[in-house]
Amino acid sequence: MMLKRILEPEVMDSPQEARSYDAMDHEAVNNLFVDDFLSATEDFNGSVLDVGTGTARIPVVLCHRWPRCELTGIDLSRQMLQLAEGNIEAAGLASRISLAHTDAKHLPYDDNTFAAVISNSILHHIPQPARVLAEAVRVVEPGGILFWRDLIRPVDERTLDRLVEMYAGGENVHQQKLFRDSLWAAFCIDEMQKLVSNLGFDPLSVQATSDRHWTWLARK
């Protein structure tokens, strides 16, 4: 029987959590996210909303790789956004990346505002995922791109422990716990396919794209 989902706190808003998260080695995962997004969006042109931007590591990579990109990153954690500001300034991208302290369940943007809405590893924090996904659909323009990725909840605790050792074995104890808790809070493929199907999208637009990640790629 698959592990029962155990929620994480919705907001990682302590200084220790934010610093620990930012210090983890996400470089390969972030680069792959940007690679896959750009591969899926060759004809893309417009503004991007990054939901749950955290410390803005992905926006920095994306804007370096794609000179035309202008991006808004939102997060509910003020501590994450404080670190994000520093990362953006250090990268020289303050003119192209803006940040907002915003709840993804209640986006303050008009319908059809963004050409793409992206997100990496935020949905497992959300107790009301359908609301967040519906808001993303609302603010993306017709024909716009939805590109979301997050962890897959393992089938059992043995698999969970193996993934923690494989991908966070070199991190400190607190960082390993963050990853472990995230895996336990994540959605399985069937759950994600049902969520997007309820929004009118093809359930097969959600696919496993690694041994620990699903990806939702769709156009509105």
Protein backbone atom coordinates (compact mmCIF):
# COMPACT_ATOMS: atom_id res chain seq x y z
CA MET A 1 0.00 0.00 0.00
CA MET A 2 1.29 3.45 -0.91
CA LEU A 3 2.43 5.74 1.87
CA LYS A 4 -0.29 8.02 3.19
CA ARG A 5 0.43 11.68 2.46
CA ILE A 6 1.65 13.65 5.49
CA LEU A 7 1.47 17.39 4.99
CA GLU A 8 4.45 19.66 5.46
CA PRO A 9 4.01 23.21 6.77
CA GLU A 10 2.68 25.34 3.93
CA VAL A 11 5.26 28.08 4.49
CA MET A 12 8.98 27.55 5.16
CA ASP A 13 9.36 30.87 6.92
CA SER A 14 12.03 30.41 9.55
CA PRO A 15 15.51 31.77 8.77
CA GLN A 16 17.04 28.33 9.34
CA GLU A 17 14.65 26.63 6.91
CA ALA A 18 15.22 29.24 4.23
CA ARG A 19 19.00 29.16 4.59
CA SER A 20 19.10 25.34 4.67
CA TYR A 21 16.97 25.10 1.57
CA ASP A 22 19.02 27.68 -0.34
CA ALA A 23 22.26 25.96 0.61
CA MET A 24 21.18 22.56 -0.73
CA ASP A 25 22.64 21.47 -4.06
CA HIS A 26 19.73 21.94 -6.48
CA GLU A 27 21.89 22.95 -9.44
CA ALA A 28 21.35 19.84 -11.56
CA VAL A 29 17.61 19.73 -10.85
CA ASN A 30 17.19 23.45 -11.57
CA ASN A 31 19.16 23.26 -14.82
CA LEU A 32 17.10 20.28 -15.96
CA PHE A 33 13.87 22.14 -15.14
CA VAL A 34 14.98 25.06 -17.31
CA ASP A 35 16.21 22.74 -20.07
CA ASP A 36 12.87 20.94 -20.20
CA PHE A 37 10.84 24.15 -20.04
CA LEU A 38 12.77 25.74 -22.90
CA SER A 39 12.59 22.54 -24.96
CA ALA A 40 8.81 22.53 -24.60
CA THR A 41 8.40 26.22 -25.42
CA GLU A 42 10.37 26.99 -28.56
CA ASP A 43 7.70 29.41 -29.78
CA PHE A 44 7.27 31.05 -26.41
CA ASN A 45 7.30 34.83 -26.07
CA GLY A 46 6.01 36.72 -23.06
CA SER A 47 6.11 37.10 -19.32
CA VAL A 48 6.51 34.24 -16.85
CA LEU A 49 4.99 33.71 -13.41
CA ASP A 50 6.98 31.41 -11.10
CA VAL A 51 4.70 30.07 -8.36
CA GLY A 52 6.57 29.28 -5.16
CA THR A 53 9.80 30.81 -6.37
CA GLY A 54 11.60 30.18 -3.09
CA THR A 55 15.03 31.77 -3.25
CA ALA A 56 14.68 32.41 -7.01
CA ARG A 57 17.33 29.96 -8.16
CA ILE A 58 15.28 28.81 -11.17
CA PRO A 59 14.38 32.34 -12.32
CA VAL A 60 18.06 33.26 -12.25
CA VAL A 61 19.00 30.25 -14.38
CA LEU A 62 16.10 30.84 -16.77
CA CYS A 63 16.88 34.52 -17.30
CA HIS A 64 20.56 33.79 -17.91
CA ARG A 65 19.63 31.14 -20.48
CA TRP A 66 16.87 33.14 -22.14
CA PRO A 67 17.75 36.84 -22.56
CA ARG A 68 14.18 37.88 -23.50
CA CYS A 69 12.65 36.48 -20.33
CA GLU A 70 10.90 38.76 -17.84
CA LEU A 71 9.66 36.98 -14.77
CA THR A 72 7.59 37.51 -11.64
CA GLY A 73 8.35 35.20 -8.73
CA ILE A 74 5.87 34.78 -5.88
CA ASP A 75 6.18 33.09 -2.53
CA LEU A 76 4.40 33.11 0.82
CA SER A 77 7.67 32.97 2.77
CA ARG A 78 9.22 36.34 3.53
CA GLN A 79 12.47 34.64 4.55
CA MET A 80 12.71 32.91 1.18
CA LEU A 81 12.01 36.14 -0.66
CA GLN A 82 14.67 37.97 1.33
CA LEU A 83 17.26 35.45 0.17
CA ALA A 84 15.80 35.59 -3.34
CA GLU A 85 16.41 39.33 -3.51
CA GLY A 86 20.08 38.76 -2.74
CA ASN A 87 20.40 36.01 -5.33
CA ILE A 88 18.77 38.16 -8.01
CA GLU A 89 20.93 41.18 -7.24
CA ALA A 90 24.09 39.05 -7.22
CA ALA A 91 23.12 37.73 -10.67
CA GLY A 92 22.54 41.26 -12.01
CA LEU A 93 18.92 40.48 -12.89
CA ALA A 94 16.96 42.91 -10.73
CA SER A 95 15.60 44.66 -13.83
CA ARG A 96 14.11 41.43 -15.23
CA ILE A 97 12.94 39.50 -12.16
CA SER A 98 10.39 40.97 -9.75
CA LEU A 99 9.23 39.37 -6.51
CA ALA A 100 5.94 39.47 -4.63
CA HIS A 101 4.84 38.16 -1.25
CA THR A 102 1.69 36.43 -2.49
CA ASP A 103 -0.53 33.47 -1.65
CA ALA A 104 -0.73 31.13 -4.65
CA LYS A 105 -4.29 30.24 -3.69
CA HIS A 106 -5.40 33.85 -4.25
CA LEU A 107 -3.29 35.41 -6.99
CA PRO A 108 -3.64 39.21 -7.32
CA TYR A 109 -3.37 39.12 -11.11
CA ASP A 110 -6.01 39.53 -13.80
CA ASP A 111 -7.17 36.65 -15.95
CA ASN A 112 -4.93 35.81 -18.92
CA THR A 113 -1.98 37.88 -17.64
CA PHE A 114 1.02 35.58 -18.23
CA ALA A 115 2.28 33.68 -21.24
CA ALA A 116 3.59 30.92 -18.97
CA VAL A 117 3.07 29.84 -15.39
CA ILE A 118 5.80 27.61 -14.00
CA SER A 119 6.39 25.99 -10.64
CA ASN A 120 8.94 23.66 -9.13
CA SER A 121 8.39 21.72 -5.90
CA ILE A 122 5.71 23.90 -4.33
CA LEU A 123 2.54 21.85 -4.67
CA HIS A 124 3.50 19.33 -1.99
CA HIS A 125 3.40 22.19 0.53
CA ILE A 126 -0.20 23.08 -0.31
CA PRO A 127 -3.18 21.63 1.60
CA GLN A 128 -5.53 22.85 -1.17
CA PRO A 129 -3.69 21.97 -4.40
CA ALA A 130 -6.75 22.22 -6.64
CA ARG A 131 -7.16 25.87 -5.74
CA VAL A 132 -3.54 26.67 -6.60
CA LEU A 133 -3.73 24.89 -9.94
CA ALA A 134 -7.01 26.61 -10.79
CA GLU A 135 -5.43 30.00 -10.09
CA ALA A 136 -2.49 29.14 -12.35
CA VAL A 137 -4.90 28.25 -15.15
CA ARG A 138 -6.85 31.46 -14.61
CA VAL A 139 -3.88 33.80 -14.93
CA VAL A 140 -2.21 32.12 -17.92
CA GLU A 141 -3.31 33.47 -21.29
CA PRO A 142 -5.16 31.37 -23.90
CA GLY A 143 -2.59 29.14 -25.57
CA GLY A 144 -0.21 29.83 -22.69
CA ILE A 145 2.04 27.24 -21.12
CA LEU A 146 1.65 25.49 -17.77
CA PHE A 147 4.88 23.81 -16.73
CA TRP A 148 4.83 22.35 -13.22
CA ARG A 149 7.14 19.84 -11.56
CA ASP A 150 7.25 18.33 -8.11
CA LEU A 151 8.24 15.22 -6.21
CA ILE A 152 6.43 11.88 -6.41
CA ARG A 153 5.43 10.30 -3.11
CA PRO A 154 7.22 6.93 -2.87
CA VAL A 155 5.28 3.70 -2.66
CA ASP A 156 6.80 2.71 0.68
CA GLU A 157 9.19 3.89 3.38
CA ARG A 158 12.03 1.73 2.09
CA THR A 159 11.90 3.51 -1.27
CA LEU A 160 11.68 6.86 0.51
CA ASP A 161 14.80 6.11 2.55
CA ARG A 162 16.66 5.03 -0.60
CA LEU A 163 15.80 8.29 -2.37
CA VAL A 164 16.89 10.37 0.61
CA GLU A 165 20.22 8.56 0.75
CA MET A 166 20.70 8.79 -3.04
CA TYR A 167 19.85 12.46 -3.47
CA ALA A 168 20.45 14.05 -0.05
CA GLY A 169 22.99 11.71 1.51
CA GLY A 170 25.67 14.39 1.30
CA GLU A 171 23.55 17.06 2.97
CA ASN A 172 23.34 17.76 6.70
CA VAL A 173 20.75 16.13 8.97
CA HIS A 174 18.33 19.06 8.78
CA GLN A 175 18.51 19.19 4.99
CA GLN A 176 17.95 15.44 4.76
CA LYS A 177 14.85 15.83 6.94
CA LEU A 178 13.53 18.59 4.67
CA PHE A 179 13.85 16.29 1.65
CA ARG A 180 12.36 13.32 3.47
CA ASP A 181 9.37 15.35 4.65
CA SER A 182 8.88 16.72 1.13
CA LEU A 183 8.78 13.23 -0.38
CA TRP A 184 6.23 12.12 2.20
CA ALA A 185 4.07 15.19 1.50
CA ALA A 186 4.20 14.80 -2.28
CA PHE A 187 1.49 13.56 -4.63
CA CYS A 188 1.52 10.33 -6.58
CA ILE A 189 0.98 10.35 -10.35
CA ASP A 190 -2.64 9.18 -10.13
CA GLU A 191 -3.51 11.98 -7.70
CA MET A 192 -1.98 14.61 -9.97
CA GLN A 193 -3.66 13.23 -13.06
CA LYS A 194 -7.02 13.43 -11.30
CA LEU A 195 -6.36 17.03 -10.23
CA VAL A 196 -5.58 18.24 -13.76
CA SER A 197 -8.41 16.19 -15.24
CA ASN A 198 -10.84 17.97 -12.93
CA LEU A 199 -9.59 21.25 -14.44
CA GLY A 200 -10.35 20.04 -17.96
CA PHE A 201 -6.86 18.92 -18.99
CA ASP A 202 -5.73 15.59 -20.36
CA PRO A 203 -4.67 13.46 -17.37
CA LEU A 204 -1.77 12.14 -19.45
CA SER A 205 -0.34 15.67 -19.49
CA VAL A 206 1.08 14.63 -16.09
CA GLN A 207 3.91 12.13 -16.45
CA ALA A 208 6.74 10.76 -14.34
CA THR A 209 9.89 12.43 -15.65
CA SER A 210 12.46 10.97 -13.23
CA ASP A 211 12.58 8.43 -10.42
CA ARG A 212 11.31 11.14 -8.04
CA HIS A 213 9.55 13.80 -10.14
CA TRP A 214 6.32 14.25 -12.07
CA THR A 215 5.87 17.01 -14.64
CA TRP A 216 2.66 18.64 -15.83
CA LEU A 217 3.03 20.22 -19.27
CA ALA A 218 -0.07 21.69 -20.91
CA ARG A 219 -1.42 24.61 -22.88
CA LYS A 220 -4.55 26.46 -21.87
